[in-house]
Amino acid sequence: MTYRVTLNDRVYEVEVEQGEAIMVSVSDAPVAPAVTSNPAVPAASTVPVIQSGLPVSAAEGELISSPLPGSIIELKVTAGQSVKRGQVLVLIEAMKMENEVLAPRDGVVKQIITSKGASVETGAPLLTLS
């Protein structure tokens, strides 16, 4: 059997038969093409998040994001509710475990962006806190 192994930007081609390895060739690894951005597609940070027709912006307060991928199993707060630092805002189920998203500071929940049952990825916006 012949194996191609890339290590430290070099490609090694090794032939292995019955426990014996023979070096067939060594070459430089091909350079991957540079990734260019498409100006027609805006960067993720410039795309507003929409919930109930309202765009989320930094002017509205601190964006609280999901710390891990999972499913929203419960929203513990509502828009307009005052919260204290360390209070549970959202429960996320990930790998059969409930994970709490806590308020980083005292404030008021300005906007709920997610909903119960929604699937979220790491960094997905959950709510804003003012």
C-alpha atoms as a PDB file:
ATOM      1  CA  MET A   1       0.000   0.000   0.000  1.00  0.00           C
ATOM      2  CA  THR A   2       1.190   3.503  -0.771  1.00  0.00           C
ATOM      3  CA  TYR A   3       0.563   6.380   1.630  1.00  0.00           C
ATOM      4  CA  ARG A   4       0.950  10.116   1.080  1.00  0.00           C
ATOM      5  CA  VAL A   5       1.727  12.026   4.277  1.00  0.00           C
ATOM      6  CA  THR A   6       2.080  15.817   4.538  1.00  0.00           C
ATOM      7  CA  LEU A   7       4.301  16.991   7.368  1.00  0.00           C
ATOM      8  CA  ASN A   8       5.826  20.444   7.819  1.00  0.00           C
ATOM      9  CA  ASP A   9       4.877  21.516   4.279  1.00  0.00           C
ATOM     10  CA  ARG A  10       6.515  18.444   2.703  1.00  0.00           C
ATOM     11  CA  VAL A  11       4.733  15.503   1.086  1.00  0.00           C
ATOM     12  CA  TYR A  12       6.191  12.063   1.790  1.00  0.00           C
ATOM     13  CA  GLU A  13       5.102   9.120  -0.339  1.00  0.00           C
ATOM     14  CA  VAL A  14       5.751   5.878   1.524  1.00  0.00           C
ATOM     15  CA  GLU A  15       5.162   2.322   0.361  1.00  0.00           C
ATOM     16  CA  VAL A  16       4.383  -0.182   3.124  1.00  0.00           C
ATOM     17  CA  GLU A  17       4.335  -3.950   2.646  1.00  0.00           C
ATOM     18  CA  GLN A  18       4.400  -6.632   5.324  1.00  0.00           C
ATOM     19  CA  GLY A  19       5.674  -4.323   8.059  1.00  0.00           C
ATOM     20  CA  GLU A  20       8.422  -2.776   5.908  1.00  0.00           C
ATOM     21  CA  ALA A  21       8.299   0.882   4.779  1.00  0.00           C
ATOM     22  CA  ILE A  22      10.134   2.233   1.749  1.00  0.00           C
ATOM     23  CA  MET A  23      10.378   5.966   1.029  1.00  0.00           C
ATOM     24  CA  VAL A  24       9.215   6.478  -2.560  1.00  0.00           C
ATOM     25  CA  SER A  25       9.421  10.272  -2.873  1.00  0.00           C
ATOM     26  CA  VAL A  26       9.588  13.562  -0.982  1.00  0.00           C
ATOM     27  CA  SER A  27       8.285  16.848  -2.387  1.00  0.00           C
ATOM     28  CA  ASP A  28       7.111  20.252  -1.245  1.00  0.00           C
ATOM     29  CA  ALA A  29       3.416  20.419  -0.405  1.00  0.00           C
ATOM     30  CA  PRO A  30       1.294  22.362  -2.878  1.00  0.00           C
ATOM     31  CA  VAL A  31       0.365  25.829  -1.687  1.00  0.00           C
ATOM     32  CA  ALA A  32      -3.333  26.249  -1.034  1.00  0.00           C
ATOM     33  CA  PRO A  33      -4.953  29.022  -3.054  1.00  0.00           C
ATOM     34  CA  ALA A  34      -5.454  32.272  -1.157  1.00  0.00           C
ATOM     35  CA  VAL A  35      -8.985  32.849   0.074  1.00  0.00           C
ATOM     36  CA  THR A  36     -10.334  36.155  -1.142  1.00  0.00           C
ATOM     37  CA  SER A  37     -13.396  37.886   0.132  1.00  0.00           C
ATOM     38  CA  ASN A  38     -16.314  38.499  -2.146  1.00  0.00           C
ATOM     39  CA  PRO A  39     -17.265  42.195  -1.956  1.00  0.00           C
ATOM     40  CA  ALA A  40     -20.814  41.303  -3.004  1.00  0.00           C
ATOM     41  CA  VAL A  41     -21.262  39.347   0.239  1.00  0.00           C
ATOM     42  CA  PRO A  42     -21.124  41.478   3.396  1.00  0.00           C
ATOM     43  CA  ALA A  43     -19.005  40.307   6.312  1.00  0.00           C
ATOM     44  CA  ALA A  44     -20.951  38.557   9.077  1.00  0.00           C
ATOM     45  CA  SER A  45     -20.316  41.442  11.478  1.00  0.00           C
ATOM     46  CA  THR A  46     -22.088  43.895   9.137  1.00  0.00           C
ATOM     47  CA  VAL A  47     -25.254  41.837   8.731  1.00  0.00           C
ATOM     48  CA  PRO A  48     -27.895  42.929  11.248  1.00  0.00           C
ATOM     49  CA  VAL A  49     -29.799  40.278  13.165  1.00  0.00           C
ATOM     50  CA  ILE A  50     -33.540  40.634  12.777  1.00  0.00           C
ATOM     51  CA  GLN A  51     -36.117  39.552  15.343  1.00  0.00           C
ATOM     52  CA  SER A  52     -39.701  40.760  15.108  1.00  0.00           C
ATOM     53  CA  GLY A  53     -38.638  43.249  12.452  1.00  0.00           C
ATOM     54  CA  LEU A  54     -36.171  45.015  14.748  1.00  0.00           C
ATOM     55  CA  PRO A  55     -32.465  45.070  13.832  1.00  0.00           C
ATOM     56  CA  VAL A  56     -30.004  44.447  16.656  1.00  0.00           C
ATOM     57  CA  SER A  57     -27.326  47.093  16.984  1.00  0.00           C
ATOM     58  CA  ALA A  58     -24.612  47.929  19.489  1.00  0.00           C
ATOM     59  CA  ALA A  59     -26.502  51.151  20.271  1.00  0.00           C
ATOM     60  CA  GLU A  60     -29.272  49.071  21.824  1.00  0.00           C
ATOM     61  CA  GLY A  61     -26.987  47.558  24.432  1.00  0.00           C
ATOM     62  CA  GLU A  62     -24.627  44.674  25.067  1.00  0.00           C
ATOM     63  CA  LEU A  63     -25.221  41.649  22.871  1.00  0.00           C
ATOM     64  CA  ILE A  64     -25.354  38.409  24.874  1.00  0.00           C
ATOM     65  CA  SER A  65     -24.279  35.482  22.673  1.00  0.00           C
ATOM     66  CA  SER A  66     -24.471  31.720  23.010  1.00  0.00           C
ATOM     67  CA  PRO A  67     -21.292  30.299  24.568  1.00  0.00           C
ATOM     68  CA  LEU A  68     -21.851  26.894  22.899  1.00  0.00           C
ATOM     69  CA  PRO A  69     -23.970  25.169  20.245  1.00  0.00           C
ATOM     70  CA  GLY A  70     -27.227  23.643  21.405  1.00  0.00           C
ATOM     71  CA  SER A  71     -30.993  24.130  21.714  1.00  0.00           C
ATOM     72  CA  ILE A  72     -32.765  26.842  23.685  1.00  0.00           C
ATOM     73  CA  ILE A  73     -34.859  25.017  26.260  1.00  0.00           C
ATOM     74  CA  GLU A  74     -35.991  28.016  28.327  1.00  0.00           C
ATOM     75  CA  LEU A  75     -35.869  31.815  28.312  1.00  0.00           C
ATOM     76  CA  LYS A  76     -35.719  32.868  31.956  1.00  0.00           C
ATOM     77  CA  VAL A  77     -36.252  36.594  31.238  1.00  0.00           C
ATOM     78  CA  THR A  78     -38.508  38.842  29.158  1.00  0.00           C
ATOM     79  CA  ALA A  79     -37.869  42.099  27.309  1.00  0.00           C
ATOM     80  CA  GLY A  80     -37.928  45.032  29.699  1.00  0.00           C
ATOM     81  CA  GLN A  81     -37.073  42.910  32.755  1.00  0.00           C
ATOM     82  CA  SER A  82     -34.360  44.123  35.148  1.00  0.00           C
ATOM     83  CA  VAL A  83     -31.639  41.564  35.860  1.00  0.00           C
ATOM     84  CA  LYS A  84     -28.794  41.293  38.331  1.00  0.00           C
ATOM     85  CA  ARG A  85     -25.238  40.164  37.605  1.00  0.00           C
ATOM     86  CA  GLY A  86     -25.110  36.330  37.658  1.00  0.00           C
ATOM     87  CA  GLN A  87     -28.852  35.873  37.087  1.00  0.00           C
ATOM     88  CA  VAL A  88     -29.790  33.062  34.682  1.00  0.00           C
ATOM     89  CA  LEU A  89     -30.980  34.522  31.372  1.00  0.00           C
ATOM     90  CA  VAL A  90     -31.261  31.463  29.105  1.00  0.00           C
ATOM     91  CA  LEU A  91     -30.992  27.669  29.438  1.00  0.00           C
ATOM     92  CA  ILE A  92     -29.286  25.863  26.549  1.00  0.00           C
ATOM     93  CA  GLU A  93     -29.283  22.084  26.169  1.00  0.00           C
ATOM     94  CA  ALA A  94     -26.056  20.722  24.738  1.00  0.00           C
ATOM     95  CA  MET A  95     -25.011  17.071  24.840  1.00  0.00           C
ATOM     96  CA  LYS A  96     -27.926  16.169  27.144  1.00  0.00           C
ATOM     97  CA  MET A  97     -26.833  18.783  29.709  1.00  0.00           C
ATOM     98  CA  GLU A  98     -28.510  22.049  30.695  1.00  0.00           C
ATOM     99  CA  ASN A  99     -26.171  25.048  30.471  1.00  0.00           C
ATOM    100  CA  GLU A 100     -26.991  28.414  32.015  1.00  0.00           C
ATOM    101  CA  VAL A 101     -26.233  31.712  30.286  1.00  0.00           C
ATOM    102  CA  LEU A 102     -25.749  34.270  33.057  1.00  0.00           C
ATOM    103  CA  ALA A 103     -26.063  38.050  33.060  1.00  0.00           C
ATOM    104  CA  PRO A 104     -22.548  39.554  32.964  1.00  0.00           C
ATOM    105  CA  ARG A 105     -23.740  42.658  34.837  1.00  0.00           C
ATOM    106  CA  ASP A 106     -26.820  44.387  36.237  1.00  0.00           C
ATOM    107  CA  GLY A 107     -29.074  45.795  33.540  1.00  0.00           C
ATOM    108  CA  VAL A 108     -32.342  45.622  31.666  1.00  0.00           C
ATOM    109  CA  VAL A 109     -33.165  43.086  28.954  1.00  0.00           C
ATOM    110  CA  LYS A 110     -33.644  45.302  25.924  1.00  0.00           C
ATOM    111  CA  GLN A 111     -34.528  42.685  23.296  1.00  0.00           C
ATOM    112  CA  ILE A 112     -34.964  38.903  23.100  1.00  0.00           C
ATOM    113  CA  ILE A 113     -33.428  37.682  19.835  1.00  0.00           C
ATOM    114  CA  THR A 114     -33.886  33.913  20.127  1.00  0.00           C
ATOM    115  CA  SER A 115     -36.845  31.718  21.014  1.00  0.00           C
ATOM    116  CA  LYS A 116     -37.566  28.533  22.913  1.00  0.00           C
ATOM    117  CA  GLY A 117     -36.713  25.469  20.814  1.00  0.00           C
ATOM    118  CA  ALA A 118     -34.311  27.344  18.528  1.00  0.00           C
ATOM    119  CA  SER A 119     -31.026  25.696  17.580  1.00  0.00           C
ATOM    120  CA  VAL A 120     -28.050  28.003  18.124  1.00  0.00           C
ATOM    121  CA  GLU A 121     -24.358  27.878  17.261  1.00  0.00           C
ATOM    122  CA  THR A 122     -21.500  29.269  19.332  1.00  0.00           C
ATOM    123  CA  GLY A 123     -21.669  33.060  19.134  1.00  0.00           C
ATOM    124  CA  ALA A 124     -25.319  33.193  18.040  1.00  0.00           C
ATOM    125  CA  PRO A 125     -27.078  36.267  19.480  1.00  0.00           C
ATOM    126  CA  LEU A 126     -29.527  35.489  22.285  1.00  0.00           C
ATOM    127  CA  LEU A 127     -30.567  38.884  23.680  1.00  0.00           C
ATOM    128  CA  THR A 128     -29.396  42.436  24.302  1.00  0.00           C
ATOM    129  CA  LEU A 129     -28.800  43.935  27.714  1.00  0.00           C
ATOM    130  CA  SER A 130     -28.771  47.672  28.400  1.00  0.00           C
END
